[in-house]
């Protein structure tokens, strides 16, 4: 039986409007199992942050992100303030958007499913990543639970955001090619509490969970409850991004001499020029940036 006090933070436009159409069925499934869902509908970017924060403060047992990775990211940022949970609520996920790579790491259904695994699961510790970087109006902090990037990958996400949303996940593929042509590799300096890397690179991927980019198995060994973040620095020529893409989907790209791997509780990245930073598919700042893990900060229904 699902927890009684459930707050569904819903992006009805996710999945090309499919989320809004499937919402009544989701509510009916929860009620049939004894749950009492509260439906909170977003109407603008960033609204899920506000709704999740209010629900957490009211004492919800579970705050559920119903949508894609962007909705999950906003809900997480609503549930955490100053590196602490706002309330006792667990995070739930119903992966009903155009893509939810975070859910893949836990084997959660890709759609509204009868077993409600992302709502009534027993709960497991979930590490949360924290990004501190340069923002448009000064330093800012953002939390993430899946994957963050600095460099060409973030530039691709940034370009894709300019394309119509109705294109869906395809817009990232379309945005990749002009980004590949225009992005110039750069000298970066990565430091951890025990290690460092200095050299030219075109992308740095910081992983908490395992999938991103619409099903790329980018971090087959990442564990989102081990108190660590994993880093992959792409140091080969830009064309390596093309040759490695099929391996990314299969999760067979590691080890590779063109990818520097580091594991640590935190990473600081500086670069010769500012490069964009994204997390969970949302671009919000640029380097210099630090990425820090907050072990077991939340509980995930899975």
C-alpha atoms as a PDB file:
ATOM      1  CA  UNK A   1       0.000   0.000   0.000  1.00  0.00           C
ATOM      2  CA  UNK A   2       1.409   3.452  -0.895  1.00  0.00           C
ATOM      3  CA  UNK A   3       2.026   6.092   1.790  1.00  0.00           C
ATOM      4  CA  UNK A   4      -1.156   7.955   2.695  1.00  0.00           C
ATOM      5  CA  UNK A   5       0.043  11.533   2.153  1.00  0.00           C
ATOM      6  CA  UNK A   6       1.275  11.690  -1.419  1.00  0.00           C
ATOM      7  CA  UNK A   7       1.959  14.915  -3.289  1.00  0.00           C
ATOM      8  CA  UNK A   8       2.158  14.505  -7.053  1.00  0.00           C
ATOM      9  CA  UNK A   9       4.148  17.314  -8.670  1.00  0.00           C
ATOM     10  CA  UNK A  10       2.988  17.066 -12.254  1.00  0.00           C
ATOM     11  CA  UNK A  11       4.286  18.641 -15.427  1.00  0.00           C
ATOM     12  CA  UNK A  12       1.216  18.074 -17.653  1.00  0.00           C
ATOM     13  CA  UNK A  13       3.110  19.155 -20.763  1.00  0.00           C
ATOM     14  CA  UNK A  14       5.842  16.512 -20.387  1.00  0.00           C
ATOM     15  CA  UNK A  15       5.913  13.725 -22.930  1.00  0.00           C
ATOM     16  CA  UNK A  16       4.242  15.983 -25.507  1.00  0.00           C
ATOM     17  CA  UNK A  17       1.209  16.291 -23.238  1.00  0.00           C
ATOM     18  CA  UNK A  18       0.981  12.595 -22.468  1.00  0.00           C
ATOM     19  CA  UNK A  19       1.519  13.173 -18.739  1.00  0.00           C
ATOM     20  CA  UNK A  20      -1.604  15.317 -18.481  1.00  0.00           C
ATOM     21  CA  UNK A  21      -3.649  12.676 -20.293  1.00  0.00           C
ATOM     22  CA  UNK A  22      -2.448   9.846 -18.035  1.00  0.00           C
ATOM     23  CA  UNK A  23      -2.826  11.738 -14.759  1.00  0.00           C
ATOM     24  CA  UNK A  24      -6.412  10.570 -14.031  1.00  0.00           C
ATOM     25  CA  UNK A  25      -5.331   6.942 -14.359  1.00  0.00           C
ATOM     26  CA  UNK A  26      -2.389   7.502 -12.019  1.00  0.00           C
ATOM     27  CA  UNK A  27      -4.619   9.116  -9.391  1.00  0.00           C
ATOM     28  CA  UNK A  28      -7.127   6.258  -9.689  1.00  0.00           C
ATOM     29  CA  UNK A  29      -4.387   3.641  -9.230  1.00  0.00           C
ATOM     30  CA  UNK A  30      -3.139   5.327  -6.065  1.00  0.00           C
ATOM     31  CA  UNK A  31      -6.617   5.707  -4.618  1.00  0.00           C
ATOM     32  CA  UNK A  32      -7.401   2.061  -5.380  1.00  0.00           C
ATOM     33  CA  UNK A  33      -4.467   1.091  -3.158  1.00  0.00           C
ATOM     34  CA  UNK A  34      -5.528   3.308  -0.270  1.00  0.00           C
ATOM     35  CA  UNK A  35      -3.445   6.370  -1.012  1.00  0.00           C
ATOM     36  CA  UNK A  36      -4.652   9.966  -0.845  1.00  0.00           C
ATOM     37  CA  UNK A  37      -2.892  11.833  -3.656  1.00  0.00           C
ATOM     38  CA  UNK A  38      -2.645  15.594  -3.793  1.00  0.00           C
ATOM     39  CA  UNK A  39      -2.150  16.835  -7.360  1.00  0.00           C
ATOM     40  CA  UNK A  40       0.090  19.879  -7.777  1.00  0.00           C
ATOM     41  CA  UNK A  41       0.320  21.022 -11.398  1.00  0.00           C
ATOM     42  CA  UNK A  42       3.193  23.126 -12.716  1.00  0.00           C
ATOM     43  CA  UNK A  43       2.491  26.030 -15.036  1.00  0.00           C
ATOM     44  CA  UNK A  44       5.957  27.508 -15.636  1.00  0.00           C
ATOM     45  CA  UNK A  45       9.665  26.656 -15.457  1.00  0.00           C
ATOM     46  CA  UNK A  46      10.812  26.430 -11.836  1.00  0.00           C
ATOM     47  CA  UNK A  47       7.288  25.985 -10.500  1.00  0.00           C
ATOM     48  CA  UNK A  48       7.978  22.375  -9.475  1.00  0.00           C
ATOM     49  CA  UNK A  49      10.648  23.663  -7.071  1.00  0.00           C
ATOM     50  CA  UNK A  50       8.069  25.791  -5.263  1.00  0.00           C
ATOM     51  CA  UNK A  51       5.398  23.091  -5.221  1.00  0.00           C
ATOM     52  CA  UNK A  52       7.763  20.381  -3.928  1.00  0.00           C
ATOM     53  CA  UNK A  53       9.036  22.690  -1.199  1.00  0.00           C
ATOM     54  CA  UNK A  54       5.540  23.548  -0.016  1.00  0.00           C
ATOM     55  CA  UNK A  55       4.516  19.881  -0.004  1.00  0.00           C
ATOM     56  CA  UNK A  56       7.625  18.908   1.965  1.00  0.00           C
ATOM     57  CA  UNK A  57       6.982  21.614   4.530  1.00  0.00           C
ATOM     58  CA  UNK A  58       3.374  20.445   4.946  1.00  0.00           C
ATOM     59  CA  UNK A  59       4.641  17.005   5.937  1.00  0.00           C
ATOM     60  CA  UNK A  60       3.977  14.876   2.866  1.00  0.00           C
ATOM     61  CA  UNK A  61       5.152  11.271   3.176  1.00  0.00           C
ATOM     62  CA  UNK A  62       6.209  11.185  -0.468  1.00  0.00           C
ATOM     63  CA  UNK A  63       6.716  13.953  -3.019  1.00  0.00           C
ATOM     64  CA  UNK A  64       6.445  12.423  -6.479  1.00  0.00           C
ATOM     65  CA  UNK A  65       7.975  13.929  -9.615  1.00  0.00           C
ATOM     66  CA  UNK A  66       5.620  13.039 -12.471  1.00  0.00           C
ATOM     67  CA  UNK A  67       7.393  13.842 -15.706  1.00  0.00           C
ATOM     68  CA  UNK A  68      10.905  13.748 -17.133  1.00  0.00           C
ATOM     69  CA  UNK A  69      14.370  14.393 -15.738  1.00  0.00           C
ATOM     70  CA  UNK A  70      13.756  18.137 -15.604  1.00  0.00           C
ATOM     71  CA  UNK A  71      10.778  17.623 -13.315  1.00  0.00           C
ATOM     72  CA  UNK A  72      12.809  15.285 -11.086  1.00  0.00           C
ATOM     73  CA  UNK A  73      15.554  17.900 -10.849  1.00  0.00           C
ATOM     74  CA  UNK A  74      13.169  20.666  -9.872  1.00  0.00           C
ATOM     75  CA  UNK A  75      11.444  18.501  -7.270  1.00  0.00           C
ATOM     76  CA  UNK A  76      14.810  17.595  -5.710  1.00  0.00           C
ATOM     77  CA  UNK A  77      15.758  21.275  -5.575  1.00  0.00           C
ATOM     78  CA  UNK A  78      12.487  21.942  -3.810  1.00  0.00           C
ATOM     79  CA  UNK A  79      13.050  19.190  -1.259  1.00  0.00           C
ATOM     80  CA  UNK A  80      16.530  20.415  -0.268  1.00  0.00           C
ATOM     81  CA  UNK A  81      17.644  23.743   1.210  1.00  0.00           C
ATOM     82  CA  UNK A  82      21.127  24.521   2.526  1.00  0.00           C
ATOM     83  CA  UNK A  83      22.213  20.888   2.096  1.00  0.00           C
ATOM     84  CA  UNK A  84      19.374  19.576   4.265  1.00  0.00           C
ATOM     85  CA  UNK A  85      15.970  18.044   3.514  1.00  0.00           C
ATOM     86  CA  UNK A  86      13.096  20.487   3.918  1.00  0.00           C
ATOM     87  CA  UNK A  87      10.966  17.773   5.536  1.00  0.00           C
ATOM     88  CA  UNK A  88      10.740  14.009   6.073  1.00  0.00           C
ATOM     89  CA  UNK A  89       9.263  13.213   2.651  1.00  0.00           C
ATOM     90  CA  UNK A  90      10.752  10.554   0.397  1.00  0.00           C
ATOM     91  CA  UNK A  91      11.238  11.241  -3.309  1.00  0.00           C
ATOM     92  CA  UNK A  92       8.983   9.345  -5.686  1.00  0.00           C
ATOM     93  CA  UNK A  93       9.311   9.204  -9.473  1.00  0.00           C
ATOM     94  CA  UNK A  94       6.782   8.404 -12.157  1.00  0.00           C
ATOM     95  CA  UNK A  95       8.762   8.520 -15.388  1.00  0.00           C
ATOM     96  CA  UNK A  96       6.012   9.767 -17.642  1.00  0.00           C
ATOM     97  CA  UNK A  97       7.890  12.393 -19.627  1.00  0.00           C
ATOM     98  CA  UNK A  98       9.634  12.285 -22.999  1.00  0.00           C
ATOM     99  CA  UNK A  99      12.604  10.825 -21.160  1.00  0.00           C
ATOM    100  CA  UNK A 100      13.565  10.025 -17.594  1.00  0.00           C
ATOM    101  CA  UNK A 101      17.060   8.585 -17.506  1.00  0.00           C
ATOM    102  CA  UNK A 102      17.202   8.806 -13.720  1.00  0.00           C
ATOM    103  CA  UNK A 103      14.458   6.176 -13.405  1.00  0.00           C
ATOM    104  CA  UNK A 104      16.409   3.721 -15.578  1.00  0.00           C
ATOM    105  CA  UNK A 105      19.106   3.306 -12.930  1.00  0.00           C
ATOM    106  CA  UNK A 106      16.533   1.826 -10.548  1.00  0.00           C
ATOM    107  CA  UNK A 107      14.501  -0.213 -13.010  1.00  0.00           C
ATOM    108  CA  UNK A 108      11.446   1.980 -12.464  1.00  0.00           C
ATOM    109  CA  UNK A 109       8.669   1.769 -15.068  1.00  0.00           C
ATOM    110  CA  UNK A 110       8.981   4.065 -18.087  1.00  0.00           C
ATOM    111  CA  UNK A 111       5.336   5.039 -17.806  1.00  0.00           C
ATOM    112  CA  UNK A 112       2.362   4.982 -15.447  1.00  0.00           C
ATOM    113  CA  UNK A 113       2.428   1.388 -14.223  1.00  0.00           C
ATOM    114  CA  UNK A 114       0.041  -0.672 -12.140  1.00  0.00           C
ATOM    115  CA  UNK A 115       2.645  -1.631  -9.536  1.00  0.00           C
ATOM    116  CA  UNK A 116       3.417   2.019  -8.627  1.00  0.00           C
ATOM    117  CA  UNK A 117       7.033   1.052  -7.900  1.00  0.00           C
ATOM    118  CA  UNK A 118       8.169   4.665  -7.875  1.00  0.00           C
ATOM    119  CA  UNK A 119       5.589   5.631  -5.260  1.00  0.00           C
ATOM    120  CA  UNK A 120       5.124   2.721  -2.876  1.00  0.00           C
ATOM    121  CA  UNK A 121       8.670   1.322  -2.819  1.00  0.00           C
ATOM    122  CA  UNK A 122      10.166   0.825   0.668  1.00  0.00           C
ATOM    123  CA  UNK A 123      12.651   3.644   0.255  1.00  0.00           C
ATOM    124  CA  UNK A 124      16.422   3.546  -0.173  1.00  0.00           C
ATOM    125  CA  UNK A 125      19.140   6.096   0.602  1.00  0.00           C
ATOM    126  CA  UNK A 126      19.804   8.485  -2.271  1.00  0.00           C
ATOM    127  CA  UNK A 127      22.928  10.591  -2.615  1.00  0.00           C
ATOM    128  CA  UNK A 128      22.388  14.126  -3.865  1.00  0.00           C
ATOM    129  CA  UNK A 129      24.965  16.049  -5.853  1.00  0.00           C
ATOM    130  CA  UNK A 130      25.533  19.733  -5.188  1.00  0.00           C
ATOM    131  CA  UNK A 131      26.853  22.153  -7.801  1.00  0.00           C
ATOM    132  CA  UNK A 132      28.336  25.505  -6.822  1.00  0.00           C
ATOM    133  CA  UNK A 133      29.175  27.547  -9.891  1.00  0.00           C
ATOM    134  CA  UNK A 134      29.153  30.957 -11.527  1.00  0.00           C
ATOM    135  CA  UNK A 135      25.665  32.089 -12.517  1.00  0.00           C
ATOM    136  CA  UNK A 136      24.352  34.969 -14.552  1.00  0.00           C
ATOM    137  CA  UNK A 137      23.781  37.091 -11.445  1.00  0.00           C
ATOM    138  CA  UNK A 138      26.630  35.740  -9.299  1.00  0.00           C
ATOM    139  CA  UNK A 139      27.489  32.456  -7.545  1.00  0.00           C
ATOM    140  CA  UNK A 140      24.678  29.926  -7.318  1.00  0.00           C
ATOM    141  CA  UNK A 141      23.948  26.470  -5.910  1.00  0.00           C
ATOM    142  CA  UNK A 142      21.984  23.729  -7.645  1.00  0.00           C
ATOM    143  CA  UNK A 143      21.292  20.145  -6.591  1.00  0.00           C
ATOM    144  CA  UNK A 144      21.107  17.097  -8.852  1.00  0.00           C
ATOM    145  CA  UNK A 145      20.574  13.342  -8.514  1.00  0.00           C
ATOM    146  CA  UNK A 146      21.513  12.000 -11.921  1.00  0.00           C
ATOM    147  CA  UNK A 147      24.279  13.437 -14.129  1.00  0.00           C
ATOM    148  CA  UNK A 148      26.002  16.810 -14.499  1.00  0.00           C
ATOM    149  CA  UNK A 149      28.348  18.072 -17.207  1.00  0.00           C
ATOM    150  CA  UNK A 150      30.771  20.889 -17.928  1.00  0.00           C
ATOM    151  CA  UNK A 151      31.807  21.554 -21.519  1.00  0.00           C
ATOM    152  CA  UNK A 152      30.532  20.372 -24.871  1.00  0.00           C
ATOM    153  CA  UNK A 153      27.748  18.229 -23.431  1.00  0.00           C
ATOM    154  CA  UNK A 154      26.346  21.185 -21.520  1.00  0.00           C
ATOM    155  CA  UNK A 155      26.698  23.359 -24.637  1.00  0.00           C
ATOM    156  CA  UNK A 156      24.616  20.779 -26.531  1.00  0.00           C
ATOM    157  CA  UNK A 157      21.896  20.917 -23.861  1.00  0.00           C
ATOM    158  CA  UNK A 158      22.013  24.706 -24.000  1.00  0.00           C
ATOM    159  CA  UNK A 159      21.541  24.719 -27.784  1.00  0.00           C
ATOM    160  CA  UNK A 160      18.789  22.090 -27.611  1.00  0.00           C
ATOM    161  CA  UNK A 161      16.821  24.323 -25.234  1.00  0.00           C
ATOM    162  CA  UNK A 162      16.353  26.789 -28.117  1.00  0.00           C
ATOM    163  CA  UNK A 163      14.529  24.214 -30.236  1.00  0.00           C
ATOM    164  CA  UNK A 164      10.757  23.608 -30.000  1.00  0.00           C
ATOM    165  CA  UNK A 165       9.806  21.356 -27.096  1.00  0.00           C
ATOM    166  CA  UNK A 166       7.491  19.295 -29.289  1.00  0.00           C
ATOM    167  CA  UNK A 167      10.557  17.793 -30.970  1.00  0.00           C
ATOM    168  CA  UNK A 168      11.136  15.819 -27.769  1.00  0.00           C
ATOM    169  CA  UNK A 169      14.441  14.078 -27.046  1.00  0.00           C
ATOM    170  CA  UNK A 170      15.384  14.308 -30.730  1.00  0.00           C
ATOM    171  CA  UNK A 171      16.317  17.935 -30.208  1.00  0.00           C
ATOM    172  CA  UNK A 172      19.473  16.834 -28.357  1.00  0.00           C
ATOM    173  CA  UNK A 173      20.593  14.801 -31.366  1.00  0.00           C
ATOM    174  CA  UNK A 174      19.877  17.736 -33.672  1.00  0.00           C
ATOM    175  CA  UNK A 175      21.775  20.126 -31.371  1.00  0.00           C
ATOM    176  CA  UNK A 176      24.790  17.830 -31.068  1.00  0.00           C
ATOM    177  CA  UNK A 177      26.146  18.327 -34.595  1.00  0.00           C
ATOM    178  CA  UNK A 178      26.457  22.158 -34.708  1.00  0.00           C
ATOM    179  CA  UNK A 179      27.799  22.076 -31.140  1.00  0.00           C
ATOM    180  CA  UNK A 180      30.451  19.550 -32.150  1.00  0.00           C
ATOM    181  CA  UNK A 181      31.611  21.815 -34.965  1.00  0.00           C
ATOM    182  CA  UNK A 182      31.753  25.015 -32.933  1.00  0.00           C
ATOM    183  CA  UNK A 183      32.961  23.906 -29.509  1.00  0.00           C
ATOM    184  CA  UNK A 184      36.702  24.311 -28.974  1.00  0.00           C
ATOM    185  CA  UNK A 185      38.562  21.972 -26.582  1.00  0.00           C
ATOM    186  CA  UNK A 186      39.946  23.809 -23.578  1.00  0.00           C
ATOM    187  CA  UNK A 187      42.548  23.487 -20.844  1.00  0.00           C
ATOM    188  CA  UNK A 188      40.873  22.393 -17.622  1.00  0.00           C
ATOM    189  CA  UNK A 189      42.086  21.759 -14.098  1.00  0.00           C
ATOM    190  CA  UNK A 190      40.222  19.161 -12.044  1.00  0.00           C
ATOM    191  CA  UNK A 191      41.016  18.669  -8.365  1.00  0.00           C
ATOM    192  CA  UNK A 192      39.638  16.207  -5.814  1.00  0.00           C
ATOM    193  CA  UNK A 193      40.542  15.724  -2.140  1.00  0.00           C
ATOM    194  CA  UNK A 194      43.220  13.196  -3.213  1.00  0.00           C
ATOM    195  CA  UNK A 195      43.839  13.562  -6.960  1.00  0.00           C
ATOM    196  CA  UNK A 196      43.923  15.959  -9.903  1.00  0.00           C
ATOM    197  CA  UNK A 197      43.959  16.236 -13.690  1.00  0.00           C
ATOM    198  CA  UNK A 198      45.292  19.071 -15.838  1.00  0.00           C
ATOM    199  CA  UNK A 199      45.018  19.044 -19.626  1.00  0.00           C
ATOM    200  CA  UNK A 200      42.933  19.776 -22.686  1.00  0.00           C
ATOM    201  CA  UNK A 201      39.431  18.342 -22.796  1.00  0.00           C
ATOM    202  CA  UNK A 202      36.115  18.935 -24.466  1.00  0.00           C
ATOM    203  CA  UNK A 203      33.769  17.561 -21.817  1.00  0.00           C
ATOM    204  CA  UNK A 204      33.574  16.483 -18.187  1.00  0.00           C
ATOM    205  CA  UNK A 205      30.736  14.227 -17.026  1.00  0.00           C
ATOM    206  CA  UNK A 206      29.988  13.955 -13.300  1.00  0.00           C
ATOM    207  CA  UNK A 207      27.728  11.006 -12.502  1.00  0.00           C
ATOM    208  CA  UNK A 208      25.670  10.017  -9.497  1.00  0.00           C
ATOM    209  CA  UNK A 209      23.399   7.563 -11.351  1.00  0.00           C
ATOM    210  CA  UNK A 210      24.006   5.634 -14.579  1.00  0.00           C
ATOM    211  CA  UNK A 211      22.042   6.920 -17.592  1.00  0.00           C
ATOM    212  CA  UNK A 212      21.630  10.179 -19.454  1.00  0.00           C
ATOM    213  CA  UNK A 213      21.028  11.566 -22.942  1.00  0.00           C
ATOM    214  CA  UNK A 214      17.990   9.427 -23.680  1.00  0.00           C
ATOM    215  CA  UNK A 215      19.316   6.029 -22.675  1.00  0.00           C
ATOM    216  CA  UNK A 216      23.103   6.367 -22.839  1.00  0.00           C
ATOM    217  CA  UNK A 217      24.589   4.011 -20.240  1.00  0.00           C
ATOM    218  CA  UNK A 218      27.254   6.575 -19.446  1.00  0.00           C
ATOM    219  CA  UNK A 219      28.271   5.335 -15.989  1.00  0.00           C
ATOM    220  CA  UNK A 220      27.715   1.563 -15.702  1.00  0.00           C
ATOM    221  CA  UNK A 221      29.468   1.385 -12.326  1.00  0.00           C
ATOM    222  CA  UNK A 222      28.008   4.447 -10.612  1.00  0.00           C
ATOM    223  CA  UNK A 223      26.066   3.766  -7.419  1.00  0.00           C
ATOM    224  CA  UNK A 224      23.730   6.577  -6.289  1.00  0.00           C
ATOM    225  CA  UNK A 225      24.017   5.508  -2.665  1.00  0.00           C
ATOM    226  CA  UNK A 226      27.791   4.970  -2.253  1.00  0.00           C
ATOM    227  CA  UNK A 227      28.662   8.477  -1.070  1.00  0.00           C
ATOM    228  CA  UNK A 228      30.823   9.140  -4.145  1.00  0.00           C
ATOM    229  CA  UNK A 229      30.603  10.865  -7.509  1.00  0.00           C
ATOM    230  CA  UNK A 230      32.289   9.514 -10.644  1.00  0.00           C
ATOM    231  CA  UNK A 231      33.988  11.723 -13.222  1.00  0.00           C
ATOM    232  CA  UNK A 232      34.781  11.075 -16.877  1.00  0.00           C
ATOM    233  CA  UNK A 233      36.934  13.656 -18.641  1.00  0.00           C
ATOM    234  CA  UNK A 234      36.897  13.334 -22.431  1.00  0.00           C
ATOM    235  CA  UNK A 235      40.442  14.218 -23.455  1.00  0.00           C
ATOM    236  CA  UNK A 236      40.562  12.817 -26.989  1.00  0.00           C
ATOM    237  CA  UNK A 237      39.705  14.780 -30.144  1.00  0.00           C
ATOM    238  CA  UNK A 238      36.136  15.994 -30.541  1.00  0.00           C
ATOM    239  CA  UNK A 239      35.461  13.343 -33.161  1.00  0.00           C
ATOM    240  CA  UNK A 240      35.756  10.739 -30.417  1.00  0.00           C
ATOM    241  CA  UNK A 241      32.268  11.826 -29.335  1.00  0.00           C
ATOM    242  CA  UNK A 242      30.953  10.457 -32.632  1.00  0.00           C
ATOM    243  CA  UNK A 243      32.828   7.155 -32.523  1.00  0.00           C
ATOM    244  CA  UNK A 244      31.950   6.532 -28.873  1.00  0.00           C
ATOM    245  CA  UNK A 245      28.209   7.259 -29.056  1.00  0.00           C
ATOM    246  CA  UNK A 246      27.216   3.645 -29.879  1.00  0.00           C
ATOM    247  CA  UNK A 247      29.342   2.446 -26.961  1.00  0.00           C
ATOM    248  CA  UNK A 248      27.739   5.001 -24.643  1.00  0.00           C
ATOM    249  CA  UNK A 249      24.343   3.420 -25.260  1.00  0.00           C
ATOM    250  CA  UNK A 250      25.698  -0.058 -24.583  1.00  0.00           C
ATOM    251  CA  UNK A 251      27.788   1.002 -21.584  1.00  0.00           C
ATOM    252  CA  UNK A 252      30.933  -0.495 -23.171  1.00  0.00           C
ATOM    253  CA  UNK A 253      33.001   2.703 -23.579  1.00  0.00           C
ATOM    254  CA  UNK A 254      35.112   2.141 -20.437  1.00  0.00           C
ATOM    255  CA  UNK A 255      37.984   1.799 -19.990  1.00  0.00           C
ATOM    256  CA  UNK A 256      39.310   3.993 -22.803  1.00  0.00           C
ATOM    257  CA  UNK A 257      42.595   5.876 -23.066  1.00  0.00           C
ATOM    258  CA  UNK A 258      40.680   8.934 -24.292  1.00  0.00           C
ATOM    259  CA  UNK A 259      38.630   9.115 -21.083  1.00  0.00           C
ATOM    260  CA  UNK A 260      40.175  10.022 -17.721  1.00  0.00           C
ATOM    261  CA  UNK A 261      38.230   8.497 -14.830  1.00  0.00           C
ATOM    262  CA  UNK A 262      38.220   9.732 -11.241  1.00  0.00           C
ATOM    263  CA  UNK A 263      36.029   8.885  -8.230  1.00  0.00           C
ATOM    264  CA  UNK A 264      35.752  11.215  -5.258  1.00  0.00           C
ATOM    265  CA  UNK A 265      33.412  12.941  -2.843  1.00  0.00           C
ATOM    266  CA  UNK A 266      33.973  16.267  -4.615  1.00  0.00           C
ATOM    267  CA  UNK A 267      35.427  17.763  -7.788  1.00  0.00           C
ATOM    268  CA  UNK A 268      36.519  21.316  -8.507  1.00  0.00           C
ATOM    269  CA  UNK A 269      36.727  22.255 -12.184  1.00  0.00           C
ATOM    270  CA  UNK A 270      38.453  25.364 -13.471  1.00  0.00           C
ATOM    271  CA  UNK A 271      38.936  26.183 -17.144  1.00  0.00           C
ATOM    272  CA  UNK A 272      40.902  28.603 -19.284  1.00  0.00           C
ATOM    273  CA  UNK A 273      37.611  30.204 -20.322  1.00  0.00           C
ATOM    274  CA  UNK A 274      34.150  29.785 -18.812  1.00  0.00           C
ATOM    275  CA  UNK A 275      32.330  26.718 -20.142  1.00  0.00           C
ATOM    276  CA  UNK A 276      28.643  25.920 -19.522  1.00  0.00           C
ATOM    277  CA  UNK A 277      27.495  23.668 -16.689  1.00  0.00           C
ATOM    278  CA  UNK A 278      24.324  21.555 -16.695  1.00  0.00           C
ATOM    279  CA  UNK A 279      22.745  19.026 -14.374  1.00  0.00           C
ATOM    280  CA  UNK A 280      19.884  16.638 -15.101  1.00  0.00           C
ATOM    281  CA  UNK A 281      19.381  18.282 -18.487  1.00  0.00           C
ATOM    282  CA  UNK A 282      19.176  21.899 -17.279  1.00  0.00           C
ATOM    283  CA  UNK A 283      21.903  24.488 -18.021  1.00  0.00           C
ATOM    284  CA  UNK A 284      22.196  27.044 -15.222  1.00  0.00           C
ATOM    285  CA  UNK A 285      25.795  28.296 -14.929  1.00  0.00           C
ATOM    286  CA  UNK A 286      29.406  28.013 -15.968  1.00  0.00           C
ATOM    287  CA  UNK A 287      32.857  27.237 -14.631  1.00  0.00           C
ATOM    288  CA  UNK A 288      34.549  27.579 -12.227  1.00  0.00           C
ATOM    289  CA  UNK A 289      32.380  24.964 -10.554  1.00  0.00           C
ATOM    290  CA  UNK A 290      32.528  22.479  -7.705  1.00  0.00           C
ATOM    291  CA  UNK A 291      30.538  19.245  -7.549  1.00  0.00           C
ATOM    292  CA  UNK A 292      30.047  17.711  -4.103  1.00  0.00           C
ATOM    293  CA  UNK A 293      28.130  14.628  -2.958  1.00  0.00           C
ATOM    294  CA  UNK A 294      25.730  14.781  -0.018  1.00  0.00           C
ATOM    295  CA  UNK A 295      25.543  11.101   1.017  1.00  0.00           C
ATOM    296  CA  UNK A 296      22.097   9.627   1.622  1.00  0.00           C
ATOM    297  CA  UNK A 297      20.495  13.046   1.867  1.00  0.00           C
ATOM    298  CA  UNK A 298      17.132  11.858   0.543  1.00  0.00           C
ATOM    299  CA  UNK A 299      15.177   8.607   0.437  1.00  0.00           C
ATOM    300  CA  UNK A 300      13.985   7.300  -2.903  1.00  0.00           C
ATOM    301  CA  UNK A 301      10.875   5.165  -3.329  1.00  0.00           C
ATOM    302  CA  UNK A 302      12.218   2.256  -5.385  1.00  0.00           C
END
